[in-house]
Protein backbone atom coordinates (compact mmCIF):
# COMPACT_ATOMS: atom_id res chain seq x y z
CA MET A 1 -33.82 -0.82 -14.89
CA ASP A 2 -32.40 0.79 -11.82
CA ALA A 3 -28.70 1.36 -11.76
CA VAL A 4 -27.79 -0.43 -8.54
CA LYS A 5 -24.32 0.31 -7.28
CA LYS A 6 -22.46 -2.84 -6.38
CA ARG A 7 -20.15 -2.66 -3.39
CA VAL A 8 -16.65 -3.76 -4.41
CA ASN A 9 -14.18 -5.05 -1.85
CA LYS A 10 -11.00 -3.07 -2.30
CA ARG A 11 -7.61 -4.70 -1.95
CA GLN A 12 -5.73 -3.97 1.29
CA VAL A 13 -2.07 -4.72 1.97
CA VAL A 14 0.37 -4.05 4.81
CA GLY A 15 3.77 -2.55 4.08
CA THR A 16 6.60 -0.36 5.31
CA VAL A 17 7.11 3.29 4.40
CA VAL A 18 10.44 3.67 2.59
CA SER A 19 10.17 7.30 1.43
CA ASP A 20 8.25 10.34 2.66
CA LYS A 21 10.03 13.10 0.73
CA MET A 22 7.01 14.14 -1.35
CA ASP A 23 4.07 16.25 -0.21
CA LYS A 24 1.04 14.09 0.72
CA THR A 25 2.68 11.01 -0.84
CA VAL A 26 4.61 8.12 0.66
CA ILE A 27 6.26 5.13 -1.00
CA VAL A 28 5.21 1.88 0.68
CA GLN A 29 7.14 -1.35 0.14
CA VAL A 30 5.10 -4.54 0.42
CA GLU A 31 6.77 -7.94 0.82
CA ARG A 32 5.10 -11.22 -0.04
CA MET A 33 6.31 -14.79 0.01
CA ILE A 34 5.82 -16.97 -3.07
CA LYS A 35 6.64 -20.63 -3.51
CA TYR A 36 9.23 -21.33 -6.20
CA PRO A 37 7.57 -23.92 -8.47
CA LEU A 38 10.54 -26.18 -9.15
CA TYR A 39 12.28 -26.33 -5.76
CA HIS A 40 9.25 -25.62 -3.52
CA LYS A 41 11.14 -23.06 -1.50
CA TYR A 42 9.66 -19.74 -0.46
CA ILE A 43 11.23 -16.55 -1.79
CA LYS A 44 10.47 -12.89 -1.07
CA ARG A 45 8.99 -10.59 -3.68
CA ARG A 46 8.77 -6.84 -3.12
CA SER A 47 6.44 -4.26 -4.63
CA ARG A 48 6.53 -0.50 -4.15
CA PHE A 49 3.34 1.56 -4.19
CA SER A 50 2.89 5.33 -4.19
CA SER A 51 0.22 6.03 -1.58
CA HIS A 52 -1.76 9.13 -0.68
CA ASP A 53 -1.06 10.40 2.86
CA GLU A 54 -3.38 13.38 3.36
CA GLY A 55 -1.95 14.68 6.63
CA ASN A 56 1.75 13.92 6.00
CA THR A 57 1.68 11.79 9.17
CA CYS A 58 3.77 8.81 8.00
CA GLN A 59 7.51 8.59 8.54
CA ILE A 60 10.14 6.25 7.14
CA GLY A 61 9.92 2.87 8.89
CA ASP A 62 6.20 3.00 9.81
CA ARG A 63 4.06 -0.10 9.19
CA VAL A 64 0.92 1.00 7.36
CA LEU A 65 -2.25 -0.50 5.92
CA ILE A 66 -2.93 0.79 2.40
CA THR A 67 -6.18 0.45 0.46
CA GLU A 68 -6.73 0.50 -3.27
CA SER A 69 -8.65 3.57 -4.48
CA ARG A 70 -9.52 5.53 -7.56
CA PRO A 71 -6.54 7.09 -9.36
CA ILE A 72 -5.43 10.21 -7.47
CA SER A 73 -2.58 11.05 -9.84
CA ARG A 74 -0.58 9.29 -12.53
CA THR A 75 1.23 7.03 -10.05
CA LYS A 76 -1.02 7.13 -6.95
CA LYS A 77 -3.77 4.54 -6.84
CA TRP A 78 -3.52 3.67 -3.13
CA ARG A 79 -4.40 5.49 0.12
CA VAL A 80 -2.93 5.09 3.59
CA SER A 81 -5.82 3.71 5.67
CA LYS A 82 -4.15 3.21 9.02
CA ILE A 83 -0.76 3.48 10.66
CA LEU A 84 -0.28 0.14 12.41
CA LYS A 85 3.09 0.82 14.08
CA LYS A 86 4.89 4.14 14.41
CA VAL A 87 8.66 4.26 14.41
CA VAL A 88 10.19 6.13 17.35
């Protein structure tokens, strides 16, 4: 049988750059709201992702769209797709 490649939708999230001290890497913090099961109130949960930034264009405070990708290094499994809002 033919090996047909199946197109997989990769996960995309929006977050804020919190560190740009490394070369071609930025740390992006993503916030999401979850409902607390007992009290039905919404609380914030934060995740931090190491993302590949090829041109070193991101700065601290930028809003970016990151996309899941193949592993680039031990910690980097995300790429910066687009800078949504630059900080001045």
